[in-house]
Protein backbone atom coordinates (compact mmCIF):
# COMPACT_ATOMS: atom_id res chain seq x y z
CA MET A 1 18.78 19.34 7.94
CA LEU A 2 19.03 15.97 9.68
CA ILE A 3 20.32 12.74 8.15
CA VAL A 4 19.29 9.36 9.57
CA SER A 5 20.84 6.19 8.21
CA TRP A 6 21.27 2.46 8.88
CA GLY A 7 25.07 2.76 8.89
CA ASP A 8 27.93 5.24 9.15
CA LEU A 9 29.10 4.72 5.54
CA CYS A 10 26.91 7.59 4.40
CA PRO A 11 28.84 10.31 2.52
CA MET A 12 26.09 12.90 3.05
CA ARG A 13 26.86 12.99 6.77
CA PHE A 14 29.94 15.09 5.98
CA SER A 15 27.99 17.78 4.11
CA SER A 16 28.07 21.28 5.64
CA ALA A 17 24.30 21.39 5.06
CA VAL A 18 23.74 18.60 7.60
CA ASP A 19 23.12 19.70 11.20
CA ALA A 20 22.99 16.25 12.78
CA PHE A 21 23.55 12.61 11.82
CA HIS A 22 21.85 9.62 13.51
CA ILE A 23 22.03 5.87 12.93
CA LEU A 24 18.75 3.93 13.02
CA PRO A 25 18.19 0.24 13.75
CA PRO A 26 17.16 -1.67 10.58
CA ALA A 27 13.42 -1.58 9.99
CA ALA A 28 13.50 -5.21 8.83
CA SER A 29 14.93 -6.38 12.17
CA SER A 30 12.43 -4.56 14.39
CA TYR A 31 9.86 -2.12 13.12
CA ALA A 32 8.99 -1.07 16.68
CA ALA A 33 12.61 -0.12 17.43
CA TYR A 34 12.99 1.62 14.07
CA SER A 35 9.78 3.66 14.46
CA SER A 36 10.53 4.56 18.06
CA ALA A 37 14.05 5.79 17.22
CA LEU A 38 12.77 7.81 14.29
CA LEU A 39 10.06 9.48 16.39
CA SER A 40 12.55 10.24 19.16
CA ILE A 41 14.87 12.00 16.69
CA ALA A 42 12.00 13.99 15.19
CA GLN A 43 10.86 15.14 18.63
CA LYS A 44 14.37 15.96 19.86
CA HIS A 45 15.14 18.22 16.90
CA LYS A 46 11.55 19.48 16.46
CA ALA A 47 11.61 18.26 12.84
CA THR A 48 8.90 19.66 10.56
CA LEU A 49 9.38 17.48 7.46
CA PHE A 50 10.29 13.79 7.03
CA ILE A 51 11.50 12.75 3.55
CA PRO A 52 12.35 9.02 3.54
CA VAL A 53 14.74 7.65 0.93
CA SER A 54 13.53 4.09 1.33
CA GLY A 55 15.42 0.91 0.58
CA ALA A 56 13.72 -1.92 -1.31
CA GLY A 57 12.74 -3.67 1.90
CA SER A 58 11.64 -0.68 3.99
CA SER A 59 9.27 1.50 1.94
CA VAL A 60 6.13 0.15 3.63
CA GLU A 61 7.74 0.50 7.07
CA ASP A 62 8.71 4.09 6.24
CA ALA A 63 5.11 4.85 5.27
CA ARG A 64 3.87 3.40 8.57
CA ALA A 65 6.48 5.33 10.55
CA ALA A 66 5.65 8.56 8.71
CA ASP A 67 1.96 8.13 9.48
CA GLU A 68 2.71 7.57 13.18
CA MET A 69 5.14 10.49 13.27
CA PHE A 70 2.56 12.88 11.83
CA LYS A 71 -0.01 11.83 14.43
CA ARG A 72 2.39 11.79 17.42
CA THR A 73 3.65 15.30 16.62
CA ASP A 74 0.10 16.62 16.18
CA GLY A 75 0.77 17.29 12.51
CA ARG A 76 3.90 19.38 13.12
CA CYS A 77 6.16 16.95 11.28
CA ARG A 78 4.76 16.58 7.78
CA THR A 79 5.79 13.59 5.70
CA PHE A 80 6.68 13.15 2.04
CA ILE A 81 5.49 9.62 1.34
CA GLN A 82 2.23 7.87 0.51
CA ASP A 83 -0.03 6.40 3.18
CA PRO A 84 0.81 2.80 4.23
CA GLU A 85 -2.00 1.16 2.22
CA THR A 86 -1.08 3.00 -0.99
CA MET A 87 2.61 2.28 -0.45
CA LEU A 88 1.84 -1.42 -0.07
CA ASP A 89 0.01 -1.31 -3.42
CA LEU A 90 3.03 0.36 -5.02
CA HIS A 91 5.66 -1.83 -3.34
CA ASP A 92 4.09 -5.29 -3.70
CA LYS A 93 4.50 -6.42 -7.32
CA ASP A 94 1.39 -8.59 -7.25
CA ARG A 95 -0.78 -5.84 -5.75
CA PHE A 96 0.68 -3.23 -8.08
CA MET A 97 -0.24 -5.20 -11.20
CA ALA A 98 -3.76 -5.68 -9.83
CA LEU A 99 -3.98 -1.91 -9.22
CA VAL A 100 -2.82 -1.11 -12.76
CA GLU A 101 -5.38 -3.53 -14.21
CA LYS A 102 -8.09 -1.96 -12.04
CA LEU A 103 -7.20 1.42 -13.54
CA GLY A 104 -7.78 -0.01 -17.01
CA PHE A 105 -4.21 -0.43 -18.23
CA ALA A 106 -2.73 -3.54 -19.84
CA THR A 107 -0.13 -5.39 -17.77
CA PRO A 108 2.37 -8.13 -18.57
CA LYS A 109 1.23 -11.57 -17.48
CA GLY A 110 2.47 -12.52 -14.04
CA GLN A 111 1.78 -14.52 -10.92
CA MET A 112 3.09 -14.77 -7.37
CA MET A 113 4.80 -18.00 -6.30
CA THR A 114 5.25 -19.35 -2.77
CA SER A 115 6.95 -22.67 -3.56
CA VAL A 116 9.09 -24.31 -6.23
CA ASP A 117 6.30 -26.79 -7.00
CA GLU A 118 3.86 -23.93 -7.58
CA ALA A 119 6.39 -22.21 -9.85
CA MET A 120 6.96 -25.39 -11.87
CA ALA A 121 3.20 -25.95 -12.26
CA PHE A 122 2.83 -22.39 -13.57
CA LEU A 123 5.66 -22.84 -16.09
CA GLU A 124 4.36 -26.22 -17.24
CA LYS A 125 1.20 -24.55 -18.57
CA ASP A 126 3.17 -22.22 -20.86
CA LYS A 127 6.29 -24.22 -21.65
CA ALA A 128 5.24 -24.73 -25.28
CA ASP A 129 5.79 -20.99 -25.79
CA GLY A 130 9.43 -21.28 -24.71
CA PRO A 131 11.28 -19.02 -22.23
CA LYS A 132 9.15 -15.94 -21.55
CA TYR A 133 9.23 -15.06 -17.82
CA ILE A 134 11.69 -13.34 -15.51
CA LEU A 135 11.63 -14.10 -11.78
CA LYS A 136 11.70 -11.40 -9.10
CA CYS A 137 11.82 -11.61 -5.31
CA MET A 138 8.84 -9.71 -3.90
CA GLY A 139 10.16 -8.78 -0.50
CA LEU A 140 13.76 -7.73 -1.20
CA ASP A 141 15.89 -6.40 -4.02
CA GLU A 142 17.58 -9.80 -4.11
CA ASN A 143 17.88 -10.41 -7.87
CA ARG A 144 16.97 -7.13 -9.54
CA GLY A 145 19.54 -7.45 -12.31
CA ASP A 146 18.87 -11.12 -13.05
CA MET A 147 17.18 -11.28 -16.47
CA THR A 148 17.22 -15.07 -16.77
CA LEU A 149 14.24 -16.27 -18.80
CA TYR A 150 12.13 -19.16 -17.50
CA PRO A 151 11.66 -21.99 -18.30
CA ILE A 152 15.41 -22.44 -18.82
CA LYS A 153 16.39 -22.81 -22.45
CA ARG A 154 17.90 -26.14 -23.42
CA SER A 155 21.50 -25.82 -24.61
CA ARG A 156 22.21 -26.74 -28.22
CA GLU A 157 24.74 -29.35 -27.16
CA GLU A 158 22.27 -31.12 -24.89
CA LYS A 159 20.89 -34.32 -26.37
CA ARG A 160 17.17 -34.89 -26.34
CA THR A 161 16.28 -37.48 -23.77
CA ALA A 162 13.28 -39.71 -23.23
CA GLU A 163 12.36 -37.63 -20.16
CA GLN A 164 11.61 -34.57 -22.31
CA ASP A 165 8.07 -34.61 -23.69
CA VAL A 166 7.15 -33.34 -27.17
CA ASP A 167 6.18 -29.83 -26.02
CA GLU A 168 9.40 -29.47 -24.07
CA ARG A 169 11.56 -30.51 -27.02
CA GLN A 170 9.70 -28.31 -29.51
CA ALA A 171 9.93 -25.28 -27.24
CA GLY A 172 13.61 -25.90 -26.58
CA VAL A 173 13.27 -25.78 -22.79
CA ASP A 174 14.72 -27.93 -20.03
CA MET A 175 12.28 -28.32 -17.15
CA ALA A 176 14.69 -30.39 -15.06
CA GLU A 177 17.30 -27.61 -15.22
CA THR A 178 14.55 -25.09 -14.51
CA ARG A 179 13.70 -26.87 -11.26
CA ARG A 180 17.39 -27.00 -10.29
CA ARG A 181 17.70 -23.25 -10.83
CA LEU A 182 14.61 -22.51 -8.75
CA GLU A 183 15.71 -24.80 -5.92
CA GLY A 184 19.17 -23.18 -5.96
CA LEU A 185 17.99 -19.59 -5.37
CA LYS A 186 19.91 -17.90 -2.55
CA LEU A 187 16.62 -16.89 -0.92
CA GLY A 188 14.36 -19.86 -1.50
CA ILE A 189 10.78 -19.45 -2.71
CA SER A 190 8.45 -19.76 0.29
CA GLU A 191 5.40 -18.29 2.00
CA GLU A 192 7.74 -15.97 3.94
CA CYS A 193 9.73 -15.04 0.82
CA PRO A 194 7.45 -15.14 -2.23
CA TYR A 195 8.61 -14.49 -5.78
CA VAL A 196 6.71 -13.36 -8.84
CA PHE A 197 7.02 -14.48 -12.45
CA GLN A 198 6.68 -11.53 -14.82
CA GLU A 199 6.25 -11.80 -18.55
CA PHE A 200 9.37 -10.49 -20.28
CA ILE A 201 8.63 -7.74 -22.81
CA PRO A 202 11.55 -7.34 -25.25
CA GLY A 203 12.51 -3.83 -26.24
CA GLN A 204 15.32 -1.32 -26.53
CA GLY A 205 15.76 -0.72 -22.81
CA GLU A 206 14.08 0.46 -19.64
CA TRP A 207 12.70 3.95 -19.07
CA VAL A 208 12.35 5.27 -15.56
CA GLY A 209 10.35 8.29 -14.45
CA PHE A 210 10.41 10.25 -11.20
CA GLY A 211 8.20 13.09 -10.08
CA SER A 212 7.80 14.92 -6.80
CA GLY A 213 5.63 17.60 -5.31
CA PRO A 214 2.85 18.29 -2.80
CA PRO A 215 -0.77 17.34 -3.66
CA SER A 216 -2.00 18.68 -7.03
CA PHE A 217 1.44 19.99 -7.96
CA LEU A 218 4.25 18.17 -9.82
CA SER A 219 7.77 19.57 -9.83
CA PRO A 220 10.36 18.48 -10.75
CA SER A 221 9.93 15.43 -12.99
CA VAL A 222 12.66 13.34 -14.64
CA VAL A 223 12.54 10.56 -17.25
CA TYR A 224 15.67 8.67 -18.25
CA SER A 225 16.81 5.38 -19.77
CA GLU A 226 18.76 2.99 -17.56
CA HIS A 227 20.69 1.84 -20.65
CA ALA A 228 21.51 5.29 -22.03
């Protein structure tokens, strides 16, 4: 078994089951360098199976690299990941919701944003309903645990001002503070770094499911609650 990683702080490298350990250049920095290094390792060790454990920002790159590896080794090195187009559908939040809707399932309301002004315009339409959206970065796992609801709720101590219109006061939201929060994001909303507003669905927690297996066969499968 081979282990390839982006850094040497990988505890699995010390396992007696590991025959070799290699460090790869980050896929986000240079896909060409990442793919080339991966292929070189596969050819050197005559690897027959590539199982990527992708980070949030490299799943699509891993799918591309796996596809190239399979072709360049004449099918010797099989891969355990979806094709690049399918992976893009699964990775991109906007495309994933469109795919789910296409399959006939209901999805929470959501929309991709590429600027603060676009985000504010979207929230203005629904501000009478009060805070109801969470904001997620589409490209990276930047704010996965941030469950802030938008528009930002007005604090009880805050006095109503002339700048707040009737809908804003009735809904208890503060659009000025909402804009400040959006403009203060560590990774700003832009064409290069889009975000998506997703309707927040209240409940008792999150359930996560995993399944693995070759085509037409599922084993094993696991379902668990992140709040259990």
